[in-house]
Amino acid sequence: MRKKAYITALILIAALVVSGCGAQTSSETEQEKIVPVNVTLSQKEDLPEYQSFPGKVMAVDEVSLSPKLGGKVEQILVREGEQVRAGQALIRLEQKDVINQVNQAQAAYDAALANLSNLEQGQFPQQLAQLESALKQAEANFNNAKENYERMKELFNEGAIPKQQFEGVELQYNIAKEQYESAKTQFTITKEKTIPESLSAAKAQVKQAEAMLSAAKSALEDSIITSPIDGTVGAISATVGGLASPGYPLITVGNLNSVEIHISVTEDRINGLKVGQEAEVTVEAVADEPLKGEIVSLSPFKDPMTQVYPVKILVPNEKGLLKSGMFARVKLMVALHTDAVTVPEDAVVSYDGTKIVYTLEGDVAKAITVETGSSSMGKTVIVKGLEAGKEIIVEGQDLLTDGAKVKVEGRGDGK
C-alpha cells in the first residue's frame, strides 16, 4: 500500500514538472514571434556612384630612344635610375667612320669655298679687266681707223689719192671695225653670261659641299644618343660592343615628378567622366593612404584591341615613390543619381530574385517589392516601389516575413 502511494506521488511530481516545462516553452514561443528590429527613414538625395578601376603607373614623359643610324655601341654613359638633364649624352656609338666622313666633307667644302672666292675676287675681276682694256684699245684703234678712212675717202673722191691707197685705208678700217665689234662682244658675253654662269656653278658646288658637310656633322651628332627631357633613366637594353639599329630602342628616359595612371573604361561609364575630375588612387606597393589625382585625358576613341576607352589620371610624385609599371587602383565617380530614393544596402533582401524592403506599419513589418538601381557608399537607389520618408527595417529584416510583429529597438534618420 505504501509502495503504491509512493509511486503515485512520483507520477504527480513528474506531471507537475512536465506541466511547468510546457508552460515555459509556450511562453517563449509567444515571445519569439515578436522580432526586435532597428528602423530608419528612406531618403531622397543626390547619390554619387563610384567605381574602382585597375590601372598602371606610367611616367608623364616617357620616351624610348633608338639610334637614327646603325652602328656599334662604343660607350654607355649613364646607369638605370640616374637623373639626367635634357641634352645630356646617354649612349655613344662608334664614330671612326663618321669622323672620316666629316673630315672629307669639310675638305671638299673648304675647296669649293676657296674656288668661289678665287673666282669672285681674283680670276674673274682680272679677266674682265683685261677684256675691258682690250675693248678700249680696239675702240681707240677703230676710231682712228674710221677718222682716217673718212678723210681718205674725201681725198679719193676728189681724185687727190690713188684708188690703191684708198683701198688700203679702207681695209685697215674694216679690220679695226671687226676687231672692235669682236672685243665688244667678248666683253659683253663674258660679263653678262660666262662669269655669272661660272659663279653660279661655283656657288652650287659650295652649297652642295655645305649640304654634305652638314649631313656628315648630323651623322656625327646622331652617333650620340641624348636625352630629350629632364628625367630618370629607365631600362637600358644596349650593351657595349653590341650592334644598334634604327628603330630599335636602346634606352628609356621618363619624367617621374608627376606620373599618370592609365586605366580602361567601358562605354557605359566613359560619358560619366570628365577632364579635371578628382580621382582617388591607391598604389599598395608604396602607400597605405590613397593619393589624390585628376583626370587629364579621356580618349574619344576605343582601343581597337581591347574595345575600351583609354583614360589617364595625373598624380603628383614629388617623393619619387611611384615607379613606372606599378599597379594601381583608381576610384572615380562615374555617375550622380539626383533626387534618388535611397535606403541602406542591408535593407534590401532577396527572395528568389525578388527584391524586398520591409517597412514599419505600427508594430508590423510589411514586405514591399522594389526595383533597385545602383549601389554606392553603402546605399542602394530604389527606382520603383518605395517613397522617401518611409520607415524601413534595417536590422532584423532577415528574420521577417510579411505581417510579422516587430519591436523597434532603435531608430535612425537614414543619413
Protein backbone atom coordinates (compact mmCIF):
# COMPACT_ATOMS: atom_id res chain seq x y z
CA MET A 1 0.00 0.00 0.00
CA ARG A 2 2.81 2.37 0.99
CA LYS A 3 4.68 1.40 -2.19
CA LYS A 4 1.64 2.22 -4.31
CA ALA A 5 1.28 5.64 -2.62
CA TYR A 6 4.99 6.35 -3.29
CA ILE A 7 4.61 5.56 -6.97
CA THR A 8 1.53 7.75 -7.21
CA ALA A 9 3.43 10.64 -5.64
CA LEU A 10 6.26 10.28 -8.14
CA ILE A 11 3.81 10.35 -11.04
CA LEU A 12 2.19 13.51 -9.67
CA ILE A 13 5.58 15.22 -9.27
CA ALA A 14 6.59 14.24 -12.80
CA ALA A 15 3.31 15.54 -14.13
CA LEU A 16 3.82 18.85 -12.37
CA VAL A 17 7.36 19.15 -13.77
CA VAL A 18 6.21 18.37 -17.27
CA SER A 19 3.32 20.77 -16.94
CA GLY A 20 5.65 23.53 -15.76
CA CYS A 21 8.10 22.96 -18.63
CA GLY A 22 5.29 23.02 -21.16
CA ALA A 23 4.05 26.36 -19.91
CA GLN A 24 7.54 27.89 -20.15
CA THR A 25 8.05 26.68 -23.76
CA SER A 26 4.70 28.11 -24.79
CA SER A 27 5.62 31.49 -23.29
CA GLU A 28 8.99 31.56 -25.06
CA THR A 29 7.29 30.77 -28.41
CA GLU A 30 4.96 33.70 -27.95
CA GLN A 31 7.95 35.98 -27.28
CA GLU A 32 9.89 34.72 -30.37
CA LYS A 33 7.06 35.82 -32.65
CA ILE A 34 7.91 39.47 -31.90
CA VAL A 35 11.12 40.26 -33.78
CA PRO A 36 13.38 43.03 -32.44
CA VAL A 37 14.35 45.45 -35.24
CA ASN A 38 16.06 48.76 -35.96
CA VAL A 39 14.50 51.17 -38.40
CA THR A 40 15.46 54.26 -40.38
CA LEU A 41 13.91 56.54 -42.97
CA SER A 42 14.20 56.14 -46.73
CA GLN A 43 15.82 59.28 -48.16
CA LYS A 44 15.62 61.46 -51.25
CA GLU A 45 19.12 62.69 -52.09
CA ASP A 46 21.82 63.12 -54.71
CA LEU A 47 23.83 59.91 -54.52
CA PRO A 48 27.23 59.78 -56.21
CA GLU A 49 28.18 56.41 -57.66
CA TYR A 50 31.81 55.34 -57.51
CA GLN A 51 33.69 52.61 -59.33
CA SER A 52 37.20 51.27 -58.89
CA PHE A 53 39.38 50.66 -61.95
CA PRO A 54 42.67 48.75 -62.17
CA GLY A 55 45.49 50.76 -63.71
CA LYS A 56 49.19 51.04 -64.34
CA VAL A 57 51.64 53.77 -63.33
CA MET A 58 53.38 55.44 -66.28
CA ALA A 59 55.81 58.34 -66.48
CA VAL A 60 54.22 61.53 -67.81
CA ASP A 61 57.00 62.00 -70.33
CA GLU A 62 58.44 58.60 -71.14
CA VAL A 63 60.48 58.18 -74.30
CA SER A 64 62.20 55.15 -75.74
CA LEU A 65 65.28 56.26 -77.64
CA SER A 66 66.69 54.48 -80.66
CA PRO A 67 69.59 55.50 -82.92
CA LYS A 68 68.98 57.28 -86.21
CA LEU A 69 71.94 55.47 -87.73
CA GLY A 70 73.13 51.92 -87.35
CA GLY A 71 76.44 51.17 -85.70
CA LYS A 72 78.30 49.56 -82.86
CA VAL A 73 77.77 50.74 -79.26
CA GLU A 74 81.03 52.24 -78.06
CA GLN A 75 80.08 53.63 -74.65
CA ILE A 76 77.11 53.72 -72.25
CA LEU A 77 77.40 56.97 -70.29
CA VAL A 78 74.61 56.55 -67.67
CA ARG A 79 73.07 53.96 -65.37
CA GLU A 80 69.49 52.88 -64.80
CA GLY A 81 67.80 55.13 -62.23
CA GLU A 82 70.20 58.02 -62.84
CA GLN A 83 68.80 61.55 -63.08
CA VAL A 84 69.62 63.25 -66.39
CA ARG A 85 69.09 66.65 -67.98
CA ALA A 86 67.71 67.46 -71.40
CA GLY A 87 70.51 67.27 -73.95
CA GLN A 88 72.73 65.05 -71.80
CA ALA A 89 74.62 62.31 -73.67
CA LEU A 90 73.42 58.79 -72.81
CA ILE A 91 74.98 56.39 -75.33
CA ARG A 92 77.81 56.87 -77.83
CA LEU A 93 78.11 54.78 -80.98
CA GLU A 94 81.41 54.08 -82.74
CA GLN A 95 82.44 57.33 -84.50
CA LYS A 96 85.59 56.50 -86.52
CA ASP A 97 83.91 56.19 -89.92
CA VAL A 98 81.64 59.15 -89.28
CA ILE A 99 84.56 61.37 -88.27
CA ASN A 100 86.34 60.44 -91.52
CA GLN A 101 83.24 61.43 -93.44
CA VAL A 102 83.13 64.77 -91.63
CA ASN A 103 86.81 65.44 -92.43
CA GLN A 104 86.34 64.58 -96.11
CA ALA A 105 83.22 66.70 -96.35
CA GLN A 106 84.98 69.59 -94.60
CA ALA A 107 87.88 69.41 -97.08
CA ALA A 108 85.51 69.38 -100.05
CA TYR A 109 83.60 72.34 -98.64
CA ASP A 110 86.79 74.32 -97.99
CA ALA A 111 87.97 73.63 -101.57
CA ALA A 112 84.66 74.71 -103.09
CA LEU A 113 84.63 77.84 -100.95
CA ALA A 114 88.22 78.68 -101.94
CA ASN A 115 87.40 78.19 -105.62
CA LEU A 116 84.42 80.54 -105.36
CA SER A 117 86.48 83.13 -103.54
CA ASN A 118 89.20 82.91 -106.19
CA LEU A 119 86.67 83.36 -108.99
CA GLU A 120 84.92 86.27 -107.27
CA GLN A 121 87.99 88.13 -106.07
CA GLY A 122 90.81 87.09 -108.43
CA GLN A 123 90.26 85.32 -111.71
CA PHE A 124 87.06 86.90 -112.96
CA PRO A 125 87.84 90.52 -112.00
CA GLN A 126 91.25 90.17 -113.61
CA GLN A 127 89.80 88.57 -116.74
CA LEU A 128 87.14 91.22 -117.01
CA ALA A 129 89.71 93.98 -116.56
CA GLN A 130 91.83 92.54 -119.38
CA LEU A 131 88.83 92.29 -121.68
CA GLU A 132 87.77 95.81 -120.83
CA SER A 133 91.29 97.09 -121.59
CA ALA A 134 91.35 95.22 -124.89
CA LEU A 135 87.92 96.64 -125.72
CA LYS A 136 89.09 100.20 -125.06
CA GLN A 137 92.18 99.65 -127.23
CA ALA A 138 90.06 98.15 -130.03
CA GLU A 139 87.68 101.08 -129.75
CA ALA A 140 90.53 103.57 -129.97
CA ASN A 141 92.01 101.77 -132.98
CA PHE A 142 88.59 101.71 -134.60
CA ASN A 143 88.02 105.41 -134.01
CA ASN A 144 91.43 106.27 -135.50
CA ALA A 145 90.86 103.99 -138.48
CA LYS A 146 87.41 105.45 -139.02
CA GLU A 147 88.69 109.00 -138.90
CA ASN A 148 91.50 108.20 -141.34
CA TYR A 149 89.07 106.30 -143.60
CA GLU A 150 86.63 109.21 -143.79
CA ARG A 151 89.43 111.69 -144.53
CA MET A 152 90.97 109.47 -147.25
CA LYS A 153 87.55 108.85 -148.72
CA GLU A 154 87.10 112.57 -149.32
CA LEU A 155 90.54 112.83 -150.91
CA PHE A 156 89.82 109.80 -153.09
CA ASN A 157 86.53 111.28 -154.20
CA GLU A 158 88.39 114.49 -155.10
CA GLY A 159 90.95 112.42 -157.00
CA ALA A 160 93.74 113.53 -154.72
CA ILE A 161 94.87 109.99 -153.92
CA PRO A 162 95.03 106.84 -156.00
CA LYS A 163 92.49 104.04 -155.61
CA GLN A 164 95.07 101.57 -154.36
CA GLN A 165 95.99 103.86 -151.45
CA PHE A 166 92.30 104.35 -150.56
CA GLU A 167 91.59 100.63 -150.66
CA GLY A 168 94.49 100.02 -148.23
CA VAL A 169 92.99 102.58 -145.81
CA GLU A 170 89.55 101.03 -146.26
CA LEU A 171 90.91 97.56 -145.45
CA GLN A 172 92.53 98.86 -142.24
CA TYR A 173 89.20 100.47 -141.28
CA ASN A 174 87.24 97.25 -141.79
CA ILE A 175 89.79 95.23 -139.80
CA ALA A 176 89.68 97.74 -136.93
CA LYS A 177 85.89 97.72 -137.00
CA GLU A 178 85.75 93.91 -136.90
CA GLN A 179 88.26 93.78 -134.05
CA TYR A 180 86.26 96.37 -132.11
CA GLU A 181 82.98 94.50 -132.59
CA SER A 182 84.66 91.23 -131.57
CA ALA A 183 86.18 92.77 -128.42
CA LYS A 184 82.84 94.33 -127.50
CA THR A 185 81.01 91.03 -127.99
CA GLN A 186 83.57 89.09 -125.99
CA PHE A 187 83.45 91.60 -123.14
CA THR A 188 79.65 91.59 -123.04
CA ILE A 189 79.34 87.80 -123.18
CA THR A 190 82.00 87.34 -120.51
CA LYS A 191 80.48 89.95 -118.21
CA GLU A 192 76.80 89.07 -118.64
CA LYS A 193 76.94 85.29 -119.25
CA THR A 194 80.22 83.47 -118.81
CA ILE A 195 81.17 84.94 -115.44
CA PRO A 196 77.62 84.76 -113.91
CA GLU A 197 77.19 81.17 -115.08
CA SER A 198 80.60 80.17 -113.75
CA LEU A 199 79.92 81.89 -110.44
CA SER A 200 76.52 80.21 -110.24
CA ALA A 201 78.11 76.81 -110.81
CA ALA A 202 80.79 77.54 -108.21
CA LYS A 203 78.16 78.66 -105.69
CA ALA A 204 76.17 75.48 -106.40
CA GLN A 205 79.30 73.44 -105.68
CA VAL A 206 79.72 75.31 -102.39
CA LYS A 207 76.08 74.69 -101.50
CA GLN A 208 76.33 71.01 -102.33
CA ALA A 209 79.55 70.65 -100.34
CA GLU A 210 77.94 72.51 -97.44
CA ALA A 211 74.96 70.13 -97.51
CA MET A 212 77.28 67.12 -97.47
CA LEU A 213 79.23 68.62 -94.58
CA SER A 214 76.00 69.31 -92.68
CA ALA A 215 74.84 65.72 -93.27
CA ALA A 216 78.17 64.37 -92.07
CA LYS A 217 78.04 66.54 -88.93
CA SER A 218 74.45 65.45 -88.31
CA ALA A 219 75.56 61.84 -88.60
CA LEU A 220 78.28 62.58 -86.06
CA GLU A 221 75.70 64.14 -83.73
CA ASP A 222 73.36 61.20 -84.30
CA SER A 223 76.09 58.82 -83.19
CA ILE A 224 75.48 60.19 -79.68
CA ILE A 225 72.03 59.46 -78.20
CA THR A 226 70.96 62.31 -75.92
CA SER A 227 68.02 62.76 -73.57
CA PRO A 228 65.24 64.99 -74.94
CA ILE A 229 63.89 65.72 -71.45
CA ASP A 230 64.84 66.13 -67.81
CA GLY A 231 64.09 62.80 -66.20
CA THR A 232 65.20 59.44 -64.89
CA VAL A 233 66.92 56.73 -66.89
CA GLY A 234 64.78 53.61 -67.16
CA ALA A 235 65.64 50.35 -68.88
CA ILE A 236 68.89 50.16 -70.85
CA SER A 237 68.92 47.39 -73.46
CA ALA A 238 72.17 48.44 -75.14
CA THR A 239 75.45 46.65 -74.47
CA VAL A 240 78.96 47.90 -75.18
CA GLY A 241 80.12 46.34 -78.43
CA GLY A 242 76.61 45.38 -79.44
CA LEU A 243 75.03 46.45 -82.71
CA ALA A 244 72.45 49.24 -82.75
CA SER A 245 69.85 49.63 -85.49
CA PRO A 246 67.45 52.47 -86.30
CA GLY A 247 64.02 51.92 -84.80
CA TYR A 248 65.19 49.55 -82.07
CA PRO A 249 65.15 51.28 -78.63
CA LEU A 250 68.38 51.22 -76.63
CA ILE A 251 67.34 53.24 -73.58
CA THR A 252 64.26 54.74 -71.90
CA VAL A 253 64.01 58.08 -70.09
CA GLY A 254 60.97 59.26 -68.14
CA ASN A 255 59.94 62.24 -66.02
CA LEU A 256 58.59 60.87 -62.74
CA ASN A 257 57.97 64.19 -60.93
CA SER A 258 54.36 63.52 -61.82
CA VAL A 259 53.02 60.21 -63.08
CA GLU A 260 49.97 59.10 -64.97
CA ILE A 261 47.76 56.17 -64.09
CA HIS A 262 46.49 54.57 -67.27
CA ILE A 263 43.10 52.88 -66.94
CA SER A 264 40.50 51.50 -69.33
CA VAL A 265 36.83 52.47 -69.11
CA THR A 266 33.88 50.73 -70.74
CA GLU A 267 31.44 52.57 -72.99
CA ASP A 268 28.68 52.60 -70.36
CA ARG A 269 30.91 54.58 -67.98
CA ILE A 270 33.01 56.86 -70.19
CA ASN A 271 30.36 59.61 -70.52
CA GLY A 272 30.16 59.89 -66.73
CA LEU A 273 33.76 61.10 -66.57
CA LYS A 274 35.28 64.49 -67.43
CA VAL A 275 38.73 66.05 -67.65
CA GLY A 276 39.68 67.71 -64.36
CA GLN A 277 37.60 65.30 -62.30
CA GLU A 278 39.16 64.25 -58.99
CA ALA A 279 40.35 60.70 -58.53
CA GLU A 280 41.40 58.62 -55.55
CA VAL A 281 44.41 56.47 -56.34
CA THR A 282 45.72 53.54 -54.33
CA VAL A 283 49.14 52.03 -55.01
CA GLU A 284 49.59 49.33 -52.38
CA ALA A 285 53.29 48.90 -53.15
CA VAL A 286 54.24 52.35 -51.83
CA ALA A 287 51.38 54.00 -49.95
CA ASP A 288 48.86 52.95 -47.33
CA GLU A 289 46.78 56.11 -47.77
CA PRO A 290 45.00 56.92 -51.05
CA LEU A 291 46.65 59.53 -53.27
CA LYS A 292 44.86 62.42 -54.91
CA GLY A 293 44.84 62.77 -58.68
CA GLU A 294 42.77 64.15 -61.51
CA ILE A 295 41.71 63.05 -64.96
CA VAL A 296 43.86 64.73 -67.61
CA SER A 297 42.91 62.73 -70.70
CA LEU A 298 39.77 60.99 -71.97
CA SER A 299 40.23 59.33 -75.33
CA PRO A 300 37.18 59.70 -77.60
CA PHE A 301 38.25 56.55 -79.46
CA LYS A 302 38.11 52.93 -78.38
CA ASP A 303 41.28 50.93 -78.27
CA PRO A 304 40.86 48.66 -81.33
CA MET A 305 42.32 45.68 -79.47
CA THR A 306 40.54 45.92 -76.09
CA GLN A 307 37.41 47.82 -77.20
CA VAL A 308 37.58 50.12 -74.17
CA TYR A 309 38.43 53.81 -73.79
CA PRO A 310 41.90 54.82 -72.50
CA VAL A 311 41.82 57.31 -69.61
CA LYS A 312 44.80 58.99 -67.92
CA ILE A 313 44.94 60.28 -64.32
CA LEU A 314 47.72 62.65 -63.26
CA VAL A 315 49.19 62.07 -59.78
CA PRO A 316 51.92 64.19 -58.12
CA ASN A 317 55.06 62.20 -57.28
CA GLU A 318 57.38 64.65 -55.52
CA LYS A 319 58.99 61.93 -53.41
CA GLY A 320 59.54 59.70 -56.43
CA LEU A 321 57.96 56.67 -54.74
CA LEU A 322 55.73 55.80 -57.69
CA LYS A 323 57.62 53.89 -60.35
CA SER A 324 56.67 53.29 -63.94
CA GLY A 325 54.94 49.93 -64.30
CA MET A 326 53.49 49.71 -60.77
CA PHE A 327 49.89 48.55 -60.43
CA ALA A 328 47.26 50.90 -59.03
CA ARG A 329 43.54 51.18 -58.40
CA VAL A 330 41.63 54.34 -59.25
CA LYS A 331 38.34 55.25 -57.60
CA LEU A 332 36.21 57.57 -59.74
CA MET A 333 32.71 58.97 -59.51
CA VAL A 334 31.05 57.53 -62.61
CA ALA A 335 27.52 58.85 -62.07
CA LEU A 336 25.41 61.16 -59.88
CA HIS A 337 21.88 59.99 -59.15
CA THR A 338 19.94 63.17 -58.45
CA ASP A 339 16.79 63.24 -56.30
CA ALA A 340 17.06 59.50 -55.86
CA VAL A 341 15.15 57.50 -53.25
CA THR A 342 17.79 55.61 -51.27
CA VAL A 343 17.94 53.02 -48.50
CA PRO A 344 20.87 51.33 -46.76
CA GLU A 345 22.13 48.40 -48.83
CA ASP A 346 21.36 45.94 -45.99
CA ALA A 347 17.72 46.98 -46.02
CA VAL A 348 17.20 45.19 -49.34
CA VAL A 349 16.69 41.43 -49.10
CA SER A 350 16.22 38.98 -51.96
CA TYR A 351 13.83 36.06 -52.19
CA ASP A 352 14.03 34.00 -55.36
CA GLY A 353 15.26 37.00 -57.34
CA THR A 354 12.66 39.38 -55.95
CA LYS A 355 13.96 42.45 -54.10
CA ILE A 356 12.08 43.30 -50.90
CA VAL A 357 12.24 46.14 -48.39
CA TYR A 358 10.37 45.82 -45.08
CA THR A 359 8.52 48.94 -43.96
CA LEU A 360 7.15 49.52 -40.49
CA GLU A 361 3.38 49.78 -40.20
CA GLY A 362 2.64 50.28 -36.50
CA ASP A 363 4.18 47.17 -34.89
CA VAL A 364 4.01 45.08 -38.06
CA ALA A 365 6.60 44.55 -40.80
CA LYS A 366 5.21 44.95 -44.31
CA ALA A 367 7.12 43.45 -47.27
CA ILE A 368 7.36 45.87 -50.20
CA THR A 369 8.59 44.64 -53.59
CA VAL A 370 11.01 47.19 -55.08
CA GLU A 371 13.09 47.74 -58.19
CA THR A 372 16.64 48.70 -57.33
CA GLY A 373 19.27 50.67 -59.19
CA SER A 374 22.92 51.24 -58.44
CA SER A 375 24.51 50.87 -55.03
CA SER A 376 27.19 53.21 -53.71
CA MET A 377 28.60 54.37 -50.40
CA GLY A 378 26.55 51.74 -48.52
CA LYS A 379 23.27 52.85 -50.07
CA THR A 380 21.03 51.47 -52.80
CA VAL A 381 18.88 53.51 -55.17
CA ILE A 382 15.23 52.48 -55.22
CA VAL A 383 13.94 53.02 -58.74
CA LYS A 384 10.38 51.88 -58.09
CA GLY A 385 8.15 50.71 -55.21
CA LEU A 386 9.16 52.98 -52.31
CA GLU A 387 8.83 56.64 -51.46
CA ALA A 388 11.16 58.80 -49.43
CA GLY A 389 10.34 59.30 -45.75
CA LYS A 390 9.12 55.75 -45.10
CA GLU A 391 10.30 53.90 -42.00
CA ILE A 392 12.20 50.86 -43.20
CA ILE A 393 13.71 48.00 -41.24
CA VAL A 394 17.50 47.86 -41.44
CA GLU A 395 18.30 45.28 -38.75
CA GLY A 396 16.38 42.07 -38.13
CA GLN A 397 14.90 42.02 -41.65
CA ASP A 398 16.42 38.63 -42.42
CA LEU A 399 14.17 37.09 -39.74
CA LEU A 400 10.97 38.65 -41.02
CA THR A 401 8.05 37.59 -43.13
CA ASP A 402 5.26 39.80 -44.38
CA GLY A 403 2.99 40.78 -41.48
CA ALA A 404 5.38 39.70 -38.74
CA LYS A 405 5.14 41.57 -35.46
CA VAL A 406 8.20 43.58 -34.51
CA LYS A 407 9.58 45.54 -31.63
CA VAL A 408 11.57 48.68 -32.54
CA GLU A 409 14.75 48.87 -30.51
CA GLY A 410 16.41 51.73 -32.36
CA ARG A 411 15.62 54.45 -34.88
CA GLY A 412 17.82 56.37 -37.33
CA ASP A 413 17.22 59.19 -39.77
CA GLY A 414 18.65 57.35 -42.79
CA LYS A 415 21.58 59.70 -43.27
